[in-house]
Amino acid sequence: MSLTRADLESSRLHQMISQSGLGMQLLSESQLQESIRVTLKVHKPNTDVWLFAYGSLIWNPAFNFTERRVGTVYGWHRRFCLRALVGRGTPEHPGLVLGLDSGGSCRGVVYRIPAADMESELLLLWRREMVIGSYIPRWVKVVDGTEEVMAIAFIINRHHPDYAGKMSFETTVNTLATAKGELGSSAEYLMQTVKGLETVGIEDKQLLRLHSSVLEQQNNG
């Protein structure tokens, strides 16, 4: 399963983490609102905002937008670098989800969120991506071939305790192939991401290699 808009409107993810008993530090609604306010300080008031997606926001956005394009960000790359102790894994067997880590480049989807809906839609996004502070909202330049736009992207927080650092390919495959949580398996997350990328014409060779190896391990297991 995946998080729905209703889940985010009811703060289900916040509740799920707070009830896990892990004692994870959660950002309050006021802290999320303040983070949004700080992020938008450099944004021109009453104008649409762009959001860059590289993982689950491609295949399960759950927010309202008026336009989407495929674009590239330079200086950052998509990587399974965030441990998931709930959602896609458990404390005993953490899963992995994607982050945008430094170096390289990343092709993804950039969404236009209308100014009239910005307050409600960004709050849903912050409840989803910023609830435990594992990401840092940052403005990045997205190049779509004909135009450049500045967009908000959720960059991995390398100082967060769940940052996975540099994991070997074999460890990453084993984790993705075996970890499961309340929202489903890490393997499902990988496969949905590969499918979502393919839908918009993006081929991520590293994710395809992981996809093939995870399926092979599962089939042989």
N, C-alpha and C. Protein backbone atom coordinates (compact mmCIF):
# COMPACT_ATOMS: atom_id res chain seq x y z
N MET A 1 0.84 -1.20 0.00
CA MET A 1 0.00 0.00 0.00
C MET A 1 0.87 1.25 0.00
N SER A 2 0.26 2.40 -0.22
CA SER A 2 0.98 3.66 -0.25
C SER A 2 0.22 4.70 0.56
N LEU A 3 0.91 5.74 0.95
CA LEU A 3 0.25 6.83 1.65
C LEU A 3 -0.72 7.53 0.70
N THR A 4 -1.90 7.82 1.20
CA THR A 4 -2.90 8.53 0.41
C THR A 4 -3.00 9.98 0.87
N ARG A 5 -3.70 10.77 0.10
CA ARG A 5 -3.93 12.16 0.50
C ARG A 5 -4.67 12.21 1.84
N ALA A 6 -5.64 11.31 2.00
CA ALA A 6 -6.40 11.27 3.27
C ALA A 6 -5.48 10.95 4.44
N ASP A 7 -4.50 10.06 4.22
CA ASP A 7 -3.53 9.73 5.27
C ASP A 7 -2.78 10.98 5.70
N LEU A 8 -2.37 11.78 4.73
CA LEU A 8 -1.58 12.97 5.03
C LEU A 8 -2.43 14.04 5.67
N GLU A 9 -3.68 14.15 5.24
CA GLU A 9 -4.58 15.14 5.84
C GLU A 9 -4.89 14.81 7.29
N SER A 10 -4.87 13.52 7.62
CA SER A 10 -5.15 13.09 8.99
C SER A 10 -3.89 12.85 9.81
N SER A 11 -2.73 13.19 9.24
CA SER A 11 -1.43 13.01 9.90
C SER A 11 -1.18 11.55 10.29
N ARG A 12 -1.62 10.62 9.44
CA ARG A 12 -1.47 9.20 9.75
C ARG A 12 0.00 8.80 9.91
N LEU A 13 0.87 9.33 9.06
CA LEU A 13 2.27 8.97 9.13
C LEU A 13 2.87 9.39 10.48
N HIS A 14 2.53 10.60 10.92
CA HIS A 14 2.99 11.09 12.22
C HIS A 14 2.54 10.15 13.33
N GLN A 15 1.27 9.75 13.26
CA GLN A 15 0.72 8.85 14.29
C GLN A 15 1.40 7.49 14.24
N MET A 16 1.64 6.98 13.04
CA MET A 16 2.25 5.67 12.88
C MET A 16 3.65 5.66 13.50
N ILE A 17 4.41 6.73 13.28
CA ILE A 17 5.76 6.80 13.83
C ILE A 17 5.73 7.00 15.34
N SER A 18 4.83 7.87 15.81
CA SER A 18 4.76 8.14 17.25
C SER A 18 4.31 6.92 18.03
N GLN A 19 3.50 6.05 17.40
CA GLN A 19 3.01 4.85 18.07
C GLN A 19 3.96 3.66 17.92
N SER A 20 5.08 3.86 17.22
CA SER A 20 6.01 2.76 17.00
C SER A 20 6.82 2.42 18.25
N GLY A 21 6.86 3.35 19.19
CA GLY A 21 7.63 3.12 20.41
C GLY A 21 9.12 3.29 20.24
N LEU A 22 9.55 3.85 19.10
CA LEU A 22 10.98 4.01 18.83
C LEU A 22 11.57 5.28 19.42
N GLY A 23 10.69 6.16 19.88
CA GLY A 23 11.17 7.41 20.45
C GLY A 23 11.80 8.34 19.43
N MET A 24 11.37 8.22 18.17
CA MET A 24 11.93 9.07 17.12
C MET A 24 11.45 10.51 17.31
N GLN A 25 12.34 11.45 17.06
CA GLN A 25 12.01 12.86 17.21
C GLN A 25 11.16 13.31 16.03
N LEU A 26 9.94 13.74 16.34
CA LEU A 26 8.99 14.14 15.31
C LEU A 26 8.84 15.65 15.29
N LEU A 27 8.72 16.21 14.11
CA LEU A 27 8.47 17.64 13.98
C LEU A 27 6.97 17.90 14.20
N SER A 28 6.67 18.89 15.01
CA SER A 28 5.28 19.27 15.27
C SER A 28 4.72 20.02 14.07
N GLU A 29 3.41 20.23 14.07
CA GLU A 29 2.78 20.99 12.99
C GLU A 29 3.37 22.40 12.90
N SER A 30 3.61 23.02 14.05
CA SER A 30 4.16 24.38 14.04
C SER A 30 5.59 24.37 13.50
N GLN A 31 6.36 23.33 13.79
CA GLN A 31 7.72 23.22 13.25
C GLN A 31 7.70 23.00 11.74
N LEU A 32 6.74 22.19 11.28
CA LEU A 32 6.60 21.99 9.83
C LEU A 32 6.23 23.29 9.13
N GLN A 33 5.30 24.04 9.73
CA GLN A 33 4.87 25.32 9.16
C GLN A 33 6.03 26.30 9.12
N GLU A 34 6.85 26.31 10.17
CA GLU A 34 8.00 27.21 10.21
C GLU A 34 9.02 26.83 9.14
N SER A 35 9.22 25.53 8.94
CA SER A 35 10.14 25.07 7.90
C SER A 35 9.66 25.51 6.52
N ILE A 36 8.36 25.42 6.28
CA ILE A 36 7.79 25.89 5.01
C ILE A 36 8.02 27.39 4.85
N ARG A 37 7.76 28.13 5.92
CA ARG A 37 7.92 29.58 5.87
C ARG A 37 9.35 29.97 5.53
N VAL A 38 10.31 29.32 6.19
CA VAL A 38 11.73 29.61 5.93
C VAL A 38 12.10 29.25 4.49
N THR A 39 11.60 28.12 4.01
CA THR A 39 11.91 27.68 2.64
C THR A 39 11.38 28.68 1.62
N LEU A 40 10.21 29.25 1.89
CA LEU A 40 9.57 30.15 0.93
C LEU A 40 10.04 31.59 1.02
N LYS A 41 10.96 31.87 1.94
CA LYS A 41 11.44 33.25 2.11
C LYS A 41 12.04 33.81 0.83
N VAL A 42 12.65 32.94 0.02
CA VAL A 42 13.27 33.40 -1.22
C VAL A 42 12.33 33.28 -2.42
N HIS A 43 11.10 32.83 -2.17
CA HIS A 43 10.13 32.64 -3.25
C HIS A 43 9.26 33.87 -3.40
N LYS A 44 9.04 34.28 -4.64
CA LYS A 44 8.21 35.46 -4.91
C LYS A 44 6.78 35.19 -4.48
N PRO A 45 6.20 36.03 -3.63
CA PRO A 45 4.83 35.80 -3.13
C PRO A 45 3.80 35.72 -4.27
N ASN A 46 2.77 34.92 -4.02
CA ASN A 46 1.63 34.79 -4.94
C ASN A 46 2.03 34.28 -6.33
N THR A 47 3.06 33.46 -6.38
CA THR A 47 3.44 32.83 -7.64
C THR A 47 3.48 31.32 -7.44
N ASP A 48 3.31 30.59 -8.53
CA ASP A 48 3.34 29.13 -8.45
C ASP A 48 4.71 28.66 -7.95
N VAL A 49 4.72 27.48 -7.33
CA VAL A 49 5.97 26.91 -6.85
C VAL A 49 6.21 25.57 -7.55
N TRP A 50 7.46 25.27 -7.85
CA TRP A 50 7.82 24.01 -8.48
C TRP A 50 8.40 23.06 -7.43
N LEU A 51 8.14 21.77 -7.61
CA LEU A 51 8.67 20.74 -6.71
C LEU A 51 9.34 19.66 -7.55
N PHE A 52 10.57 19.29 -7.18
CA PHE A 52 11.30 18.25 -7.91
C PHE A 52 11.12 16.91 -7.20
N ALA A 53 10.66 15.90 -7.95
CA ALA A 53 10.42 14.56 -7.41
C ALA A 53 11.38 13.57 -8.05
N TYR A 54 11.88 12.63 -7.24
CA TYR A 54 12.84 11.66 -7.75
C TYR A 54 12.53 10.24 -7.32
N GLY A 55 11.55 10.04 -6.42
CA GLY A 55 11.21 8.71 -5.91
C GLY A 55 9.71 8.50 -5.89
N SER A 56 9.17 8.27 -4.70
CA SER A 56 7.74 7.93 -4.59
C SER A 56 6.83 9.07 -5.00
N LEU A 57 7.31 10.31 -4.96
CA LEU A 57 6.48 11.43 -5.39
C LEU A 57 6.22 11.39 -6.90
N ILE A 58 6.97 10.57 -7.63
CA ILE A 58 6.71 10.40 -9.06
C ILE A 58 5.51 9.48 -9.27
N TRP A 59 5.48 8.35 -8.55
CA TRP A 59 4.39 7.38 -8.78
C TRP A 59 3.24 7.52 -7.79
N ASN A 60 3.41 8.31 -6.76
CA ASN A 60 2.33 8.54 -5.80
C ASN A 60 2.42 9.96 -5.25
N PRO A 61 2.15 10.97 -6.08
CA PRO A 61 2.32 12.35 -5.61
C PRO A 61 1.37 12.72 -4.47
N ALA A 62 0.10 12.38 -4.57
CA ALA A 62 -0.90 12.65 -3.52
C ALA A 62 -1.05 14.14 -3.21
N PHE A 63 -0.64 14.99 -4.12
CA PHE A 63 -0.87 16.43 -3.96
C PHE A 63 -1.36 16.99 -5.29
N ASN A 64 -1.96 18.16 -5.23
CA ASN A 64 -2.52 18.77 -6.43
C ASN A 64 -1.46 19.57 -7.19
N PHE A 65 -1.45 19.44 -8.51
CA PHE A 65 -0.53 20.19 -9.35
C PHE A 65 -1.21 20.47 -10.68
N THR A 66 -0.68 21.44 -11.40
CA THR A 66 -1.29 21.84 -12.67
C THR A 66 -0.44 21.46 -13.88
N GLU A 67 0.82 21.09 -13.62
CA GLU A 67 1.72 20.75 -14.73
C GLU A 67 2.84 19.88 -14.19
N ARG A 68 3.34 18.99 -15.03
CA ARG A 68 4.54 18.24 -14.67
C ARG A 68 5.42 18.08 -15.89
N ARG A 69 6.73 18.10 -15.66
CA ARG A 69 7.70 17.95 -16.73
C ARG A 69 8.82 17.03 -16.25
N VAL A 70 9.51 16.43 -17.20
CA VAL A 70 10.73 15.69 -16.87
C VAL A 70 11.88 16.68 -16.91
N GLY A 71 12.73 16.63 -15.89
CA GLY A 71 13.86 17.55 -15.83
C GLY A 71 15.05 16.92 -15.12
N THR A 72 16.19 17.60 -15.21
CA THR A 72 17.44 17.10 -14.62
C THR A 72 17.99 18.09 -13.62
N VAL A 73 18.45 17.55 -12.50
CA VAL A 73 19.15 18.32 -11.48
C VAL A 73 20.61 17.89 -11.49
N TYR A 74 21.52 18.85 -11.48
CA TYR A 74 22.95 18.54 -11.47
C TYR A 74 23.53 18.80 -10.07
N GLY A 75 24.46 17.93 -9.67
CA GLY A 75 25.07 18.06 -8.36
C GLY A 75 24.44 17.16 -7.31
N TRP A 76 23.42 16.41 -7.72
CA TRP A 76 22.72 15.50 -6.82
C TRP A 76 22.35 14.23 -7.57
N HIS A 77 22.30 13.11 -6.86
CA HIS A 77 21.89 11.85 -7.50
C HIS A 77 20.94 11.08 -6.60
N ARG A 78 20.11 10.26 -7.22
CA ARG A 78 19.12 9.43 -6.52
C ARG A 78 19.83 8.20 -5.96
N ARG A 79 19.58 7.89 -4.67
CA ARG A 79 20.25 6.74 -4.06
C ARG A 79 19.45 6.20 -2.88
N PHE A 80 19.47 4.90 -2.69
CA PHE A 80 18.85 4.31 -1.51
C PHE A 80 19.78 4.53 -0.32
N CYS A 81 19.54 5.61 0.40
CA CYS A 81 20.46 6.01 1.46
C CYS A 81 19.76 6.36 2.77
N LEU A 82 18.46 6.09 2.87
CA LEU A 82 17.73 6.38 4.10
C LEU A 82 17.10 5.11 4.65
N ARG A 83 17.48 4.75 5.85
CA ARG A 83 16.89 3.57 6.49
C ARG A 83 15.45 3.85 6.88
N ALA A 84 14.59 2.86 6.69
CA ALA A 84 13.17 2.97 7.04
C ALA A 84 12.87 1.99 8.17
N LEU A 85 12.71 2.53 9.39
CA LEU A 85 12.41 1.69 10.55
C LEU A 85 10.92 1.43 10.72
N VAL A 86 10.12 2.24 10.04
CA VAL A 86 8.68 2.02 9.94
C VAL A 86 8.31 2.26 8.48
N GLY A 87 7.12 1.90 8.09
CA GLY A 87 6.71 2.12 6.71
C GLY A 87 7.18 1.02 5.79
N ARG A 88 8.47 1.02 5.44
CA ARG A 88 9.04 0.02 4.51
C ARG A 88 10.02 -0.92 5.20
N GLY A 89 10.00 -0.92 6.53
CA GLY A 89 10.87 -1.81 7.28
C GLY A 89 10.45 -1.81 8.74
N THR A 90 11.24 -2.43 9.58
CA THR A 90 10.99 -2.48 11.02
C THR A 90 12.29 -2.16 11.75
N PRO A 91 12.22 -1.87 13.06
CA PRO A 91 13.45 -1.61 13.81
C PRO A 91 14.41 -2.80 13.75
N GLU A 92 13.86 -4.00 13.75
CA GLU A 92 14.69 -5.20 13.71
C GLU A 92 15.28 -5.43 12.32
N HIS A 93 14.55 -5.02 11.32
CA HIS A 93 14.99 -5.22 9.93
C HIS A 93 14.65 -3.98 9.12
N PRO A 94 15.44 -2.91 9.27
CA PRO A 94 15.14 -1.65 8.57
C PRO A 94 15.16 -1.82 7.05
N GLY A 95 14.23 -1.14 6.42
CA GLY A 95 14.22 -1.10 4.96
C GLY A 95 15.03 0.08 4.46
N LEU A 96 14.88 0.38 3.18
CA LEU A 96 15.57 1.52 2.57
C LEU A 96 14.61 2.26 1.65
N VAL A 97 14.73 3.59 1.66
CA VAL A 97 14.01 4.42 0.70
C VAL A 97 15.00 5.41 0.09
N LEU A 98 14.57 6.09 -0.94
CA LEU A 98 15.46 6.96 -1.70
C LEU A 98 15.68 8.31 -1.05
N GLY A 99 16.86 8.84 -1.29
CA GLY A 99 17.18 10.21 -0.96
C GLY A 99 17.92 10.83 -2.14
N LEU A 100 18.03 12.14 -2.12
CA LEU A 100 18.83 12.83 -3.13
C LEU A 100 20.14 13.20 -2.45
N ASP A 101 21.21 12.51 -2.84
CA ASP A 101 22.50 12.68 -2.18
C ASP A 101 23.45 13.46 -3.09
N SER A 102 24.50 14.00 -2.51
CA SER A 102 25.39 14.90 -3.26
C SER A 102 26.20 14.17 -4.33
N GLY A 103 26.44 14.88 -5.43
CA GLY A 103 27.25 14.37 -6.53
C GLY A 103 26.43 13.86 -7.69
N GLY A 104 26.98 13.98 -8.89
CA GLY A 104 26.32 13.42 -10.08
C GLY A 104 25.15 14.24 -10.56
N SER A 105 24.16 13.57 -11.11
CA SER A 105 22.96 14.23 -11.61
C SER A 105 21.76 13.31 -11.46
N CYS A 106 20.58 13.86 -11.60
CA CYS A 106 19.36 13.07 -11.41
C CYS A 106 18.27 13.58 -12.33
N ARG A 107 17.69 12.67 -13.11
CA ARG A 107 16.50 12.99 -13.90
C ARG A 107 15.27 12.62 -13.09
N GLY A 108 14.32 13.51 -13.05
CA GLY A 108 13.10 13.27 -12.29
C GLY A 108 11.96 14.07 -12.87
N VAL A 109 10.95 14.28 -12.07
CA VAL A 109 9.76 15.00 -12.50
C VAL A 109 9.63 16.28 -11.68
N VAL A 110 9.38 17.37 -12.36
CA VAL A 110 9.15 18.64 -11.66
C VAL A 110 7.68 19.02 -11.83
N TYR A 111 7.05 19.30 -10.69
CA TYR A 111 5.62 19.61 -10.66
C TYR A 111 5.41 21.09 -10.38
N ARG A 112 4.40 21.66 -11.05
CA ARG A 112 4.00 23.04 -10.76
C ARG A 112 2.80 23.01 -9.80
N ILE A 113 2.96 23.61 -8.64
CA ILE A 113 1.88 23.72 -7.67
C ILE A 113 1.35 25.15 -7.72
N PRO A 114 0.05 25.33 -8.01
CA PRO A 114 -0.48 26.68 -8.16
C PRO A 114 -0.41 27.48 -6.86
N ALA A 115 -0.19 28.76 -7.00
CA ALA A 115 -0.06 29.64 -5.83
C ALA A 115 -1.28 29.54 -4.92
N ALA A 116 -2.46 29.41 -5.52
CA ALA A 116 -3.69 29.36 -4.72
C ALA A 116 -3.76 28.14 -3.82
N ASP A 117 -3.08 27.06 -4.22
CA ASP A 117 -3.10 25.81 -3.45
C ASP A 117 -1.81 25.56 -2.67
N MET A 118 -0.89 26.50 -2.74
CA MET A 118 0.44 26.26 -2.20
C MET A 118 0.43 25.95 -0.70
N GLU A 119 -0.34 26.67 0.07
CA GLU A 119 -0.35 26.48 1.53
C GLU A 119 -0.77 25.07 1.91
N SER A 120 -1.88 24.60 1.33
CA SER A 120 -2.39 23.27 1.68
C SER A 120 -1.50 22.17 1.13
N GLU A 121 -1.02 22.32 -0.09
CA GLU A 121 -0.25 21.24 -0.73
C GLU A 121 1.14 21.10 -0.13
N LEU A 122 1.78 22.21 0.19
CA LEU A 122 3.10 22.12 0.80
C LEU A 122 3.01 21.53 2.20
N LEU A 123 1.95 21.83 2.94
CA LEU A 123 1.81 21.23 4.26
C LEU A 123 1.69 19.71 4.16
N LEU A 124 0.94 19.22 3.18
CA LEU A 124 0.85 17.77 2.98
C LEU A 124 2.22 17.18 2.65
N LEU A 125 2.96 17.87 1.80
CA LEU A 125 4.30 17.39 1.43
C LEU A 125 5.24 17.37 2.63
N TRP A 126 5.18 18.41 3.44
CA TRP A 126 6.04 18.48 4.62
C TRP A 126 5.66 17.40 5.65
N ARG A 127 4.37 17.11 5.79
CA ARG A 127 3.95 16.04 6.69
C ARG A 127 4.49 14.69 6.22
N ARG A 128 4.65 14.56 4.93
CA ARG A 128 5.12 13.30 4.34
C ARG A 128 6.64 13.18 4.37
N GLU A 129 7.32 14.23 3.97
CA GLU A 129 8.77 14.15 3.76
C GLU A 129 9.59 14.66 4.95
N MET A 130 9.02 15.51 5.77
CA MET A 130 9.81 16.20 6.79
C MET A 130 9.45 15.79 8.22
N VAL A 131 8.61 14.77 8.38
CA VAL A 131 8.06 14.46 9.70
C VAL A 131 9.13 14.10 10.72
N ILE A 132 10.24 13.46 10.29
CA ILE A 132 11.31 13.13 11.25
C ILE A 132 12.62 13.86 10.90
N GLY A 133 12.55 14.82 9.99
CA GLY A 133 13.73 15.61 9.68
C GLY A 133 14.82 14.87 8.93
N SER A 134 14.45 13.80 8.23
CA SER A 134 15.46 13.02 7.51
C SER A 134 15.83 13.65 6.17
N TYR A 135 15.07 14.65 5.74
CA TYR A 135 15.40 15.38 4.52
C TYR A 135 15.56 16.86 4.84
N ILE A 136 16.18 17.57 3.92
CA ILE A 136 16.33 19.02 4.04
C ILE A 136 15.72 19.64 2.79
N PRO A 137 14.72 20.52 2.93
CA PRO A 137 14.16 21.18 1.75
C PRO A 137 15.16 22.18 1.19
N ARG A 138 15.39 22.11 -0.10
CA ARG A 138 16.41 22.96 -0.72
C ARG A 138 15.97 23.34 -2.12
N TRP A 139 16.28 24.56 -2.52
CA TRP A 139 15.99 25.00 -3.88
C TRP A 139 17.07 24.49 -4.82
N VAL A 140 16.65 23.85 -5.90
CA VAL A 140 17.58 23.34 -6.89
C VAL A 140 17.17 23.82 -8.28
N LYS A 141 18.14 23.92 -9.17
CA LYS A 141 17.85 24.30 -10.56
C LYS A 141 17.52 23.04 -11.34
N VAL A 142 16.36 23.04 -12.00
CA VAL A 142 15.92 21.90 -12.80
C VAL A 142 15.93 22.31 -14.27
N VAL A 143 16.64 21.54 -15.09
CA VAL A 143 16.75 21.83 -16.52
C VAL A 143 15.88 20.82 -17.27
N ASP A 144 14.93 21.31 -18.06
CA ASP A 144 14.04 20.39 -18.78
C ASP A 144 14.31 20.34 -20.27
N GLY A 145 15.41 20.94 -20.70
CA GLY A 145 15.76 20.92 -22.12
C GLY A 145 15.49 22.23 -22.81
N THR A 146 14.44 22.92 -22.41
CA THR A 146 14.11 24.19 -23.03
C THR A 146 14.08 25.34 -22.02
N GLU A 147 13.95 24.99 -20.76
CA GLU A 147 13.79 26.02 -19.73
C GLU A 147 14.43 25.55 -18.43
N GLU A 148 14.81 26.49 -17.59
CA GLU A 148 15.31 26.18 -16.26
C GLU A 148 14.33 26.75 -15.24
N VAL A 149 14.00 25.94 -14.24
CA VAL A 149 13.14 26.43 -13.16
C VAL A 149 13.80 26.11 -11.83
N MET A 150 13.54 26.96 -10.85
CA MET A 150 13.99 26.68 -9.50
C MET A 150 12.87 25.93 -8.79
N ALA A 151 13.23 24.81 -8.17
CA ALA A 151 12.22 23.95 -7.54
C ALA A 151 12.70 23.52 -6.16
N ILE A 152 11.74 23.19 -5.31
CA ILE A 152 12.06 22.64 -4.00
C ILE A 152 12.33 21.15 -4.17
N ALA A 153 13.41 20.68 -3.58
CA ALA A 153 13.71 19.24 -3.57
C ALA A 153 14.02 18.83 -2.14
N PHE A 154 13.69 17.60 -1.80
CA PHE A 154 13.98 17.09 -0.47
C PHE A 154 15.30 16.31 -0.52
N ILE A 155 16.35 16.97 -0.05
CA ILE A 155 17.71 16.44 -0.05
C ILE A 155 17.92 15.60 1.20
N ILE A 156 18.68 14.53 1.10
CA ILE A 156 18.93 13.71 2.28
C ILE A 156 19.70 14.51 3.33
N ASN A 157 19.30 14.32 4.58
CA ASN A 157 20.00 14.94 5.71
C ASN A 157 21.08 13.97 6.18
N ARG A 158 22.32 14.24 5.81
CA ARG A 158 23.43 13.33 6.12
C ARG A 158 23.72 13.23 7.62
N HIS A 159 23.18 14.17 8.39
CA HIS A 159 23.41 14.16 9.83
C HIS A 159 22.29 13.43 10.58
N HIS A 160 21.29 12.97 9.86
CA HIS A 160 20.19 12.25 10.51
C HIS A 160 20.66 10.84 10.89
N PRO A 161 20.22 10.34 12.05
CA PRO A 161 20.67 9.00 12.48
C PRO A 161 20.27 7.87 11.53
N ASP A 162 19.26 8.09 10.68
CA ASP A 162 18.84 7.04 9.76
C ASP A 162 19.49 7.15 8.39
N TYR A 163 20.42 8.10 8.24
CA TYR A 163 21.17 8.17 6.98
C TYR A 163 22.03 6.92 6.87
N ALA A 164 21.92 6.21 5.76
CA ALA A 164 22.58 4.90 5.63
C ALA A 164 24.02 5.01 5.17
N GLY A 165 24.46 6.16 4.70
CA GLY A 165 25.84 6.28 4.24
C GLY A 165 26.09 5.44 3.00
N LYS A 166 27.32 5.05 2.82
CA LYS A 166 27.70 4.27 1.64
C LYS A 166 27.53 2.78 1.93
N MET A 167 26.47 2.19 1.42
CA MET A 167 26.24 0.77 1.57
C MET A 167 26.72 0.04 0.32
N SER A 168 27.20 -1.18 0.49
CA SER A 168 27.61 -1.96 -0.68
C SER A 168 26.38 -2.32 -1.51
N PHE A 169 26.62 -2.62 -2.76
CA PHE A 169 25.52 -3.02 -3.65
C PHE A 169 24.83 -4.27 -3.11
N GLU A 170 25.60 -5.23 -2.64
CA GLU A 170 25.04 -6.49 -2.14
C GLU A 170 24.16 -6.26 -0.91
N THR A 171 24.61 -5.40 0.02
CA THR A 171 23.82 -5.10 1.22
C THR A 171 22.53 -4.38 0.84
N THR A 172 22.64 -3.47 -0.11
CA THR A 172 21.45 -2.74 -0.57
C THR A 172 20.43 -3.71 -1.17
N VAL A 173 20.90 -4.62 -2.02
CA VAL A 173 20.00 -5.60 -2.64
C VAL A 173 19.34 -6.47 -1.58
N ASN A 174 20.11 -6.98 -0.64
CA ASN A 174 19.56 -7.85 0.40
C ASN A 174 18.51 -7.11 1.24
N THR A 175 18.79 -5.85 1.57
CA THR A 175 17.84 -5.06 2.36
C THR A 175 16.55 -4.84 1.59
N LEU A 176 16.67 -4.43 0.33
CA LEU A 176 15.49 -4.16 -0.48
C LEU A 176 14.67 -5.43 -0.71
N ALA A 177 15.34 -6.55 -0.83
CA ALA A 177 14.66 -7.81 -1.14
C ALA A 177 13.91 -8.39 0.05
N THR A 178 14.28 -7.99 1.26
CA THR A 178 13.74 -8.69 2.43
C THR A 178 12.97 -7.82 3.42
N ALA A 179 13.15 -6.52 3.41
CA ALA A 179 12.54 -5.65 4.42
C ALA A 179 11.08 -5.33 4.08
N LYS A 180 10.24 -5.36 5.13
CA LYS A 180 8.81 -5.03 4.98
C LYS A 180 8.35 -4.23 6.19
N GLY A 181 7.36 -3.34 5.96
CA GLY A 181 6.81 -2.55 7.05
C GLY A 181 5.32 -2.33 6.85
N GLU A 182 4.77 -1.38 7.60
CA GLU A 182 3.33 -1.14 7.58
C GLU A 182 2.82 -0.65 6.23
N LEU A 183 3.68 0.02 5.47
CA LEU A 183 3.26 0.54 4.16
C LEU A 183 3.61 -0.40 3.02
N GLY A 184 4.24 -1.54 3.34
CA GLY A 184 4.62 -2.49 2.30
C GLY A 184 6.11 -2.77 2.36
N SER A 185 6.62 -3.40 1.32
CA SER A 185 8.02 -3.80 1.29
C SER A 185 8.91 -2.76 0.61
N SER A 186 10.19 -2.83 0.94
CA SER A 186 11.16 -1.98 0.25
C SER A 186 11.27 -2.36 -1.22
N ALA A 187 11.10 -3.67 -1.51
CA ALA A 187 11.14 -4.13 -2.90
C ALA A 187 10.01 -3.51 -3.71
N GLU A 188 8.82 -3.44 -3.11
CA GLU A 188 7.68 -2.83 -3.80
C GLU A 188 7.98 -1.36 -4.08
N TYR A 189 8.57 -0.67 -3.12
CA TYR A 189 8.93 0.74 -3.30
C TYR A 189 9.89 0.89 -4.48
N LEU A 190 10.90 0.02 -4.56
CA LEU A 190 11.84 0.05 -5.68
C LEU A 190 11.13 -0.18 -6.99
N MET A 191 10.29 -1.21 -7.05
CA MET A 191 9.64 -1.58 -8.30
C MET A 191 8.64 -0.51 -8.77
N GLN A 192 7.94 0.09 -7.82
CA GLN A 192 7.03 1.17 -8.16
C GLN A 192 7.80 2.38 -8.71
N THR A 193 8.98 2.62 -8.13
CA THR A 193 9.78 3.75 -8.59
C THR A 193 10.29 3.51 -10.01
N VAL A 194 10.79 2.31 -10.27
CA VAL A 194 11.27 1.96 -11.61
C VAL A 194 10.13 2.10 -12.62
N LYS A 195 8.96 1.59 -12.26
CA LYS A 195 7.80 1.68 -13.14
C LYS A 195 7.38 3.13 -13.37
N GLY A 196 7.39 3.93 -12.29
CA GLY A 196 7.03 5.34 -12.42
C GLY A 196 8.00 6.10 -13.30
N LEU A 197 9.28 5.81 -13.16
CA LEU A 197 10.28 6.45 -14.01
C LEU A 197 10.09 6.05 -15.47
N GLU A 198 9.83 4.78 -15.71
CA GLU A 198 9.61 4.31 -17.08
C GLU A 198 8.40 4.99 -17.71
N THR A 199 7.37 5.23 -16.90
CA THR A 199 6.14 5.86 -17.39
C THR A 199 6.41 7.25 -17.97
N VAL A 200 7.39 7.96 -17.39
CA VAL A 200 7.70 9.30 -17.89
C VAL A 200 8.96 9.30 -18.77
N GLY A 201 9.42 8.10 -19.15
CA GLY A 201 10.53 8.00 -20.09
C GLY A 201 11.92 8.14 -19.49
N ILE A 202 12.04 7.84 -18.20
CA ILE A 202 13.35 7.93 -17.53
C ILE A 202 13.90 6.53 -17.28
N GLU A 203 15.15 6.33 -17.68
CA GLU A 203 15.83 5.05 -17.44
C GLU A 203 16.98 5.30 -16.48
N ASP A 204 16.85 4.79 -15.27
CA ASP A 204 17.91 4.92 -14.26
C ASP A 204 18.64 3.58 -14.20
N LYS A 205 19.84 3.53 -14.76
CA LYS A 205 20.55 2.26 -14.88
C LYS A 205 20.85 1.61 -13.54
N GLN A 206 21.17 2.41 -12.53
CA GLN A 206 21.47 1.85 -11.21
C GLN A 206 20.23 1.23 -10.59
N LEU A 207 19.09 1.90 -10.72
CA LEU A 207 17.84 1.34 -10.18
C LEU A 207 17.42 0.09 -10.95
N LEU A 208 17.65 0.08 -12.25
CA LEU A 208 17.32 -1.11 -13.05
C LEU A 208 18.21 -2.29 -12.64
N ARG A 209 19.47 -2.01 -12.33
CA ARG A 209 20.37 -3.06 -11.87
C ARG A 209 19.91 -3.60 -10.51
N LEU A 210 19.52 -2.70 -9.62
CA LEU A 210 18.98 -3.12 -8.32
C LEU A 210 17.70 -3.94 -8.50
N HIS A 211 16.83 -3.46 -9.37
CA HIS A 211 15.56 -4.13 -9.64
C HIS A 211 15.80 -5.57 -10.08
N SER A 212 16.72 -5.76 -11.03
CA SER A 212 17.02 -7.09 -11.54
C SER A 212 17.59 -7.99 -10.44
N SER A 213 18.50 -7.44 -9.64
CA SER A 213 19.14 -8.24 -8.59
C SER A 213 18.19 -8.58 -7.46
N VAL A 214 17.30 -7.66 -7.12
CA VAL A 214 16.31 -7.91 -6.06
C VAL A 214 15.35 -9.02 -6.50
N LEU A 215 14.88 -8.93 -7.74
CA LEU A 215 13.98 -9.98 -8.25
C LEU A 215 14.67 -11.34 -8.27
N GLU A 216 15.94 -11.33 -8.68
CA GLU A 216 16.70 -12.59 -8.72
C GLU A 216 16.83 -13.20 -7.32
N GLN A 217 17.14 -12.36 -6.33
CA GLN A 217 17.27 -12.86 -4.97
C GLN A 217 15.94 -13.39 -4.45
N GLN A 218 14.86 -12.67 -4.73
CA GLN A 218 13.55 -13.10 -4.27
C GLN A 218 13.13 -14.41 -4.94
N ASN A 219 13.42 -14.54 -6.21
CA ASN A 219 13.05 -15.76 -6.94
C ASN A 219 13.88 -16.96 -6.49
N ASN A 220 15.12 -16.69 -6.08
CA ASN A 220 15.98 -17.78 -5.62
C ASN A 220 15.79 -18.12 -4.14
N GLY A 221 15.08 -17.19 -3.46
CA GLY A 221 14.90 -17.39 -2.02
C GLY A 221 13.77 -18.34 -1.71
